[in-house]
Amino acid sequence: MHPSVDLNLLRTLQALLQERSVTRAAQRLRLSQPATSAALGRLRRHFNDELLTRVGNAYRLTPLATELLQRTATAIAATDRVFSLQPEFDPRSADRRFTLVLSDYATSILGSSLSRLLDAEGPHIRLDLRHVSTALVDAAPEALRDIDGVVLPHGFLTDLPFLDLVEDEWVCLISADHPGNPSTLSLEQLGRLPWVLTFHERTAFTTAARELRMHGVEPEVRMVTESYASLPDLIAGTSRVALVQRRLTAALTSSGRVRVLPCPFPAAPLKLALWWHPIHTADPGHRWFRHFMTEAACFGA
């Protein structure tokens, strides 16, 4: 960092960029307006950029300020992490914040256990849950520096430490009134039926398309969704089929609109793991976090 800039200016910069107002930033920081204006002046000189430009009665971010907005949040998170580290970690008294990235599938099978255990073991700890994205997975080695962990199946990340949490198997989901009321499906039928896929991308979580192609079936994809919870709405009353994790089926079939059939081919089981950056491995707080995740997986099993 430039020798003339102190760390306190990071939070001032973040407040100014997020609020886009000296007055609101001052109120948020509990500073006087002149002090906040002076800080903005220092920041403008440091970056040689206006950062905030007046357009009518409002302020807009300059292109540089727009880029700084995300980088400032990352820098503050890293700074908070440094000063939260302790030689020992007591979850009963700690007020640390952990960030966990996971899909709605992982949330559905781990969320309840995470919530109950957090109240029991870390009453002052905050757990931020974020939805996983392709961009994050693609940039995982760097993104995980500022995130405590991401829950993903094996096959998407390499050369990172991990802890296995859950193993699941695949089943077929069809409408309760599917034509012919089948009790089983064949590979040939799966090749003819229209499909609903979830996360039909390189970093897909349902490996339906990949598994089918390995068995010589090219699925006829009619719909794609990023929410497992939406599957009953997309399948009920149609001839569509989806491949889903068995642990999801109790929730998906509770309305009676869809039902489960066994998978007609030996699909490889899904192994869900917690992945993290090596810089967190020795942190006592993160060691507790990993144990906490293991406990939640056991309770959610």
Protein backbone atom coordinates (compact mmCIF):
# COMPACT_ATOMS: atom_id res chain seq x y z
CA MET A 1 0.00 0.00 0.00
CA HIS A 2 1.19 3.56 -0.70
CA PRO A 3 2.94 4.91 2.40
CA SER A 4 0.63 7.95 2.59
CA VAL A 5 -2.54 5.83 2.78
CA ASP A 6 -3.65 4.12 6.00
CA LEU A 7 -5.91 1.11 6.37
CA ASN A 8 -8.73 3.24 7.81
CA LEU A 9 -9.17 4.78 4.37
CA LEU A 10 -10.24 1.38 3.02
CA ARG A 11 -13.49 1.51 4.98
CA THR A 12 -14.01 5.14 4.03
CA LEU A 13 -13.45 4.27 0.38
CA GLN A 14 -15.92 1.39 0.61
CA ALA A 15 -18.57 3.56 2.27
CA LEU A 16 -18.16 6.33 -0.31
CA LEU A 17 -18.35 3.93 -3.25
CA GLN A 18 -21.33 2.04 -1.88
CA GLU A 19 -23.29 5.06 -0.67
CA ARG A 20 -22.24 7.38 -3.55
CA SER A 21 -22.75 10.25 -1.15
CA VAL A 22 -20.40 12.03 1.25
CA THR A 23 -23.28 12.73 3.63
CA ARG A 24 -24.53 9.13 3.78
CA ALA A 25 -20.98 7.76 3.98
CA ALA A 26 -20.24 10.09 6.91
CA GLN A 27 -23.40 8.94 8.71
CA ARG A 28 -22.52 5.29 8.13
CA LEU A 29 -18.96 5.78 9.38
CA ARG A 30 -20.08 8.03 12.25
CA LEU A 31 -17.73 10.73 11.07
CA SER A 32 -18.28 14.40 10.40
CA GLN A 33 -19.04 15.45 6.85
CA PRO A 34 -15.89 17.63 6.63
CA ALA A 35 -13.72 14.70 7.77
CA THR A 36 -15.32 12.42 5.16
CA SER A 37 -14.89 15.07 2.45
CA ALA A 38 -11.22 15.41 3.41
CA ALA A 39 -10.81 11.62 3.17
CA LEU A 40 -12.39 11.66 -0.28
CA GLY A 41 -9.88 14.31 -1.29
CA ARG A 42 -6.99 12.14 -0.11
CA LEU A 43 -8.38 9.17 -2.00
CA ARG A 44 -8.78 11.21 -5.18
CA ARG A 45 -5.16 12.35 -4.96
CA HIS A 46 -3.94 8.83 -4.26
CA PHE A 47 -5.75 7.29 -7.24
CA ASN A 48 -5.47 10.40 -9.44
CA ASP A 49 -9.15 9.91 -10.23
CA GLU A 50 -12.37 11.67 -9.23
CA LEU A 51 -13.95 8.37 -8.09
CA LEU A 52 -17.34 10.08 -7.66
CA THR A 53 -18.58 12.50 -10.32
CA ARG A 54 -21.69 14.61 -9.98
CA VAL A 55 -24.41 14.08 -12.59
CA GLY A 56 -27.37 16.32 -11.83
CA ASN A 57 -28.28 15.81 -8.19
CA ALA A 58 -26.54 12.45 -7.86
CA TYR A 59 -23.04 11.02 -7.94
CA ARG A 60 -21.84 8.30 -10.28
CA LEU A 61 -18.82 6.04 -9.98
CA THR A 62 -15.99 6.50 -12.42
CA PRO A 63 -14.79 3.36 -14.27
CA LEU A 64 -11.89 3.07 -11.82
CA ALA A 65 -14.26 3.42 -8.83
CA THR A 66 -16.46 0.66 -10.23
CA GLU A 67 -13.43 -1.64 -10.35
CA LEU A 68 -12.36 -0.58 -6.86
CA LEU A 69 -15.77 -1.38 -5.38
CA GLN A 70 -15.28 -5.15 -5.48
CA ARG A 71 -11.56 -4.99 -4.73
CA THR A 72 -12.22 -2.88 -1.65
CA ALA A 73 -14.69 -5.43 -0.30
CA THR A 74 -12.14 -8.20 -0.87
CA ALA A 75 -9.36 -6.21 0.81
CA ILE A 76 -11.50 -5.45 3.87
CA ALA A 77 -12.54 -9.08 4.18
CA ALA A 78 -8.89 -10.14 4.06
CA THR A 79 -7.94 -7.50 6.64
CA ASP A 80 -10.74 -8.60 8.97
CA ARG A 81 -9.58 -12.19 8.59
CA VAL A 82 -6.02 -11.27 9.59
CA PHE A 83 -7.10 -9.48 12.75
CA SER A 84 -9.62 -12.19 13.69
CA LEU A 85 -6.92 -14.88 13.85
CA GLN A 86 -6.10 -16.16 17.33
CA PRO A 87 -3.72 -18.86 18.62
CA GLU A 88 -6.76 -20.70 19.97
CA PHE A 89 -10.40 -20.62 18.93
CA ASP A 90 -13.34 -20.87 21.31
CA PRO A 91 -16.58 -21.06 19.29
CA ARG A 92 -18.67 -20.35 22.40
CA SER A 93 -17.22 -16.85 22.74
CA ALA A 94 -16.00 -16.09 19.21
CA ASP A 95 -17.89 -13.55 17.09
CA ARG A 96 -16.12 -14.45 13.85
CA ARG A 97 -17.83 -14.55 10.46
CA PHE A 98 -17.44 -17.53 8.13
CA THR A 99 -18.43 -17.54 4.47
CA LEU A 100 -19.63 -20.75 2.83
CA VAL A 101 -20.54 -21.17 -0.85
CA LEU A 102 -22.91 -23.97 -1.85
CA SER A 103 -25.73 -24.95 -4.21
CA ASP A 104 -29.40 -25.17 -3.26
CA TYR A 105 -28.97 -28.97 -3.23
CA ALA A 106 -26.23 -28.71 -0.60
CA THR A 107 -28.28 -26.14 1.32
CA SER A 108 -31.29 -28.45 1.35
CA ILE A 109 -29.39 -31.37 2.88
CA LEU A 110 -27.04 -29.42 5.16
CA GLY A 111 -28.88 -26.19 5.95
CA SER A 112 -31.02 -27.41 8.84
CA SER A 113 -28.08 -29.13 10.56
CA LEU A 114 -25.85 -26.09 10.04
CA SER A 115 -28.48 -23.86 11.61
CA ARG A 116 -29.06 -26.04 14.67
CA LEU A 117 -25.36 -26.69 15.28
CA LEU A 118 -24.46 -23.03 14.92
CA ASP A 119 -26.88 -22.13 17.74
CA ALA A 120 -25.50 -24.91 19.91
CA GLU A 121 -21.77 -24.49 19.27
CA GLY A 122 -21.20 -20.92 18.12
CA PRO A 123 -23.97 -18.64 19.43
CA HIS A 124 -22.13 -15.46 18.39
CA ILE A 125 -20.67 -16.74 15.12
CA ARG A 126 -22.09 -15.50 11.83
CA LEU A 127 -22.36 -17.84 8.85
CA ASP A 128 -22.78 -16.19 5.45
CA LEU A 129 -24.21 -18.58 2.84
CA ARG A 130 -23.64 -17.69 -0.81
CA HIS A 131 -24.93 -19.43 -3.90
CA VAL A 132 -22.28 -21.10 -6.00
CA SER A 133 -21.61 -19.78 -9.50
CA THR A 134 -19.66 -20.92 -12.53
CA ALA A 135 -17.44 -17.84 -12.24
CA LEU A 136 -16.49 -18.71 -8.68
CA VAL A 137 -15.72 -22.34 -9.54
CA ASP A 138 -13.60 -21.29 -12.51
CA ALA A 139 -11.61 -18.89 -10.29
CA ALA A 140 -11.66 -21.11 -7.17
CA PRO A 141 -7.91 -21.14 -6.39
CA GLU A 142 -7.95 -17.36 -6.06
CA ALA A 143 -11.56 -16.81 -4.90
CA LEU A 144 -11.16 -19.21 -1.97
CA ARG A 145 -8.54 -16.93 -0.43
CA ASP A 146 -11.43 -14.74 0.79
CA ILE A 147 -13.99 -17.52 1.34
CA ASP A 148 -13.85 -20.16 4.04
CA GLY A 149 -15.09 -22.95 1.83
CA VAL A 150 -17.16 -24.14 -1.09
CA VAL A 151 -19.23 -27.32 -1.11
CA LEU A 152 -18.84 -29.09 -4.45
CA PRO A 153 -18.83 -32.61 -5.85
CA HIS A 154 -15.53 -34.16 -6.80
CA GLY A 155 -14.51 -33.52 -10.39
CA PHE A 156 -14.55 -29.72 -10.55
CA LEU A 157 -11.59 -28.66 -8.38
CA THR A 158 -8.06 -30.02 -8.18
CA ASP A 159 -4.94 -29.35 -6.11
CA LEU A 160 -6.95 -27.94 -3.18
CA PRO A 161 -7.49 -29.49 0.26
CA PHE A 162 -10.91 -31.04 0.78
CA LEU A 163 -13.00 -32.90 3.30
CA ASP A 164 -15.61 -35.40 2.14
CA LEU A 165 -19.05 -34.67 3.58
CA VAL A 166 -21.85 -36.56 1.83
CA GLU A 167 -22.33 -39.33 -0.71
CA ASP A 168 -25.55 -39.55 -2.69
CA GLU A 169 -27.01 -41.64 -5.49
CA TRP A 170 -29.03 -40.75 -8.58
CA VAL A 171 -32.71 -41.50 -9.26
CA CYS A 172 -35.17 -40.49 -11.98
CA LEU A 173 -37.96 -38.00 -11.34
CA ILE A 174 -41.14 -38.16 -13.47
CA SER A 175 -44.68 -36.82 -13.26
CA ALA A 176 -47.07 -38.72 -10.97
CA ASP A 177 -49.43 -39.05 -13.95
CA HIS A 178 -46.71 -39.91 -16.47
CA PRO A 179 -48.19 -41.66 -19.55
CA GLY A 180 -48.27 -45.42 -19.09
CA ASN A 181 -47.63 -45.15 -15.34
CA PRO A 182 -44.23 -46.92 -15.63
CA SER A 183 -42.63 -48.59 -12.61
CA THR A 184 -39.20 -48.56 -14.26
CA LEU A 185 -37.47 -46.81 -17.16
CA SER A 186 -35.05 -48.27 -19.68
CA LEU A 187 -32.06 -46.59 -21.30
CA GLU A 188 -33.99 -46.64 -24.57
CA GLN A 189 -36.89 -44.77 -22.96
CA LEU A 190 -34.50 -42.20 -21.46
CA GLY A 191 -33.21 -41.57 -24.97
CA ARG A 192 -36.75 -40.83 -26.21
CA LEU A 193 -38.13 -38.82 -23.31
CA PRO A 194 -37.73 -35.04 -23.05
CA TRP A 195 -35.41 -33.93 -20.23
CA VAL A 196 -35.16 -31.20 -17.62
CA LEU A 197 -31.52 -30.59 -16.70
CA THR A 198 -30.12 -28.62 -13.81
CA PHE A 199 -27.02 -26.46 -14.28
CA HIS A 200 -26.40 -27.58 -17.86
CA GLU A 201 -22.87 -26.11 -17.96
CA ARG A 202 -19.28 -27.25 -17.61
CA THR A 203 -19.59 -26.91 -13.85
CA ALA A 204 -22.94 -28.70 -13.73
CA PHE A 205 -23.92 -30.30 -10.44
CA THR A 206 -26.28 -32.87 -11.90
CA THR A 207 -24.22 -35.08 -14.13
CA ALA A 208 -27.27 -36.30 -16.05
CA ALA A 209 -26.00 -35.46 -19.53
CA ARG A 210 -22.51 -36.80 -18.86
CA GLU A 211 -23.77 -40.03 -17.29
CA LEU A 212 -26.25 -40.64 -20.12
CA ARG A 213 -23.67 -40.06 -22.83
CA MET A 214 -21.32 -42.50 -21.13
CA HIS A 215 -24.07 -45.10 -21.63
CA GLY A 216 -24.74 -44.16 -25.25
CA VAL A 217 -27.79 -41.94 -24.68
CA GLU A 218 -28.01 -38.35 -25.93
CA PRO A 219 -30.71 -36.60 -23.84
CA GLU A 220 -33.33 -34.47 -25.57
CA VAL A 221 -33.08 -31.37 -23.40
CA ARG A 222 -36.31 -29.35 -23.29
CA MET A 223 -35.76 -27.24 -20.18
CA VAL A 224 -32.82 -26.13 -18.03
CA THR A 225 -33.10 -24.77 -14.49
CA GLU A 226 -30.69 -23.62 -11.80
CA SER A 227 -33.06 -24.58 -9.00
CA TYR A 228 -33.76 -28.12 -7.89
CA ALA A 229 -36.85 -26.86 -6.05
CA SER A 230 -38.42 -25.88 -9.37
CA LEU A 231 -38.26 -29.41 -10.80
CA PRO A 232 -41.78 -30.52 -9.69
CA ASP A 233 -43.28 -27.50 -11.46
CA LEU A 234 -41.35 -28.28 -14.65
CA ILE A 235 -42.11 -32.02 -14.67
CA ALA A 236 -45.64 -32.41 -13.26
CA GLY A 237 -48.26 -33.02 -15.96
CA THR A 238 -45.64 -33.70 -18.66
CA SER A 239 -43.64 -36.64 -19.98
CA ARG A 240 -40.34 -34.99 -18.95
CA VAL A 241 -37.76 -36.71 -16.81
CA ALA A 242 -34.90 -35.47 -14.62
CA LEU A 243 -32.01 -37.13 -12.86
CA VAL A 244 -31.80 -36.00 -9.22
CA GLN A 245 -30.03 -36.87 -6.00
CA ARG A 246 -31.96 -39.30 -3.79
CA ARG A 247 -31.58 -37.04 -0.74
CA LEU A 248 -33.70 -34.43 -2.52
CA THR A 249 -36.61 -36.70 -3.30
CA ALA A 250 -38.48 -36.42 0.01
CA ALA A 251 -38.89 -32.68 -0.47
CA LEU A 252 -39.49 -32.88 -4.23
CA THR A 253 -42.21 -35.53 -3.99
CA SER A 254 -44.02 -34.16 -0.92
CA SER A 255 -46.75 -32.55 -3.06
CA GLY A 256 -47.55 -35.86 -4.79
CA ARG A 257 -47.16 -34.27 -8.23
CA VAL A 258 -43.96 -36.14 -9.10
CA ARG A 259 -42.57 -39.54 -8.19
CA VAL A 260 -39.26 -41.37 -8.13
CA LEU A 261 -38.09 -44.29 -10.28
CA PRO A 262 -34.76 -46.11 -10.02
CA CYS A 263 -31.99 -45.08 -12.37
CA PRO A 264 -31.74 -47.75 -15.13
CA PHE A 265 -27.95 -47.51 -15.42
CA PRO A 266 -25.13 -47.68 -12.85
CA ALA A 267 -24.59 -43.95 -12.38
CA ALA A 268 -21.49 -43.02 -10.40
CA PRO A 269 -22.43 -41.77 -6.92
CA LEU A 270 -22.15 -38.08 -6.19
CA LYS A 271 -19.52 -37.29 -3.56
CA LEU A 272 -19.93 -33.87 -2.01
CA ALA A 273 -16.93 -32.28 -0.31
CA LEU A 274 -15.86 -29.08 1.42
CA TRP A 275 -12.98 -27.40 -0.44
CA TRP A 276 -10.80 -24.58 0.87
CA HIS A 277 -7.62 -22.66 0.14
CA PRO A 278 -4.42 -23.98 1.79
CA ILE A 279 -3.83 -20.63 3.53
CA HIS A 280 -6.74 -21.48 5.88
CA THR A 281 -5.57 -24.97 6.83
CA ALA A 282 -3.56 -24.07 9.95
CA ASP A 283 -6.01 -21.44 11.24
CA PRO A 284 -7.56 -22.71 14.53
CA GLY A 285 -10.88 -21.09 13.64
CA HIS A 286 -10.96 -22.81 10.28
CA ARG A 287 -10.09 -26.12 11.90
CA TRP A 288 -13.21 -25.70 14.03
CA PHE A 289 -15.19 -24.73 10.93
CA ARG A 290 -14.17 -27.92 9.15
CA HIS A 291 -15.17 -30.01 12.18
CA PHE A 292 -18.44 -28.08 12.30
CA MET A 293 -19.12 -28.94 8.64
CA THR A 294 -18.36 -32.61 9.30
CA GLU A 295 -20.81 -32.65 12.22
CA ALA A 296 -23.51 -31.01 10.10
CA ALA A 297 -23.03 -33.62 7.37
CA CYS A 298 -23.37 -36.43 9.92
CA PHE A 299 -26.56 -34.95 11.40
CA GLY A 300 -27.98 -34.34 7.93
CA ALA A 301 -27.31 -37.89 6.76
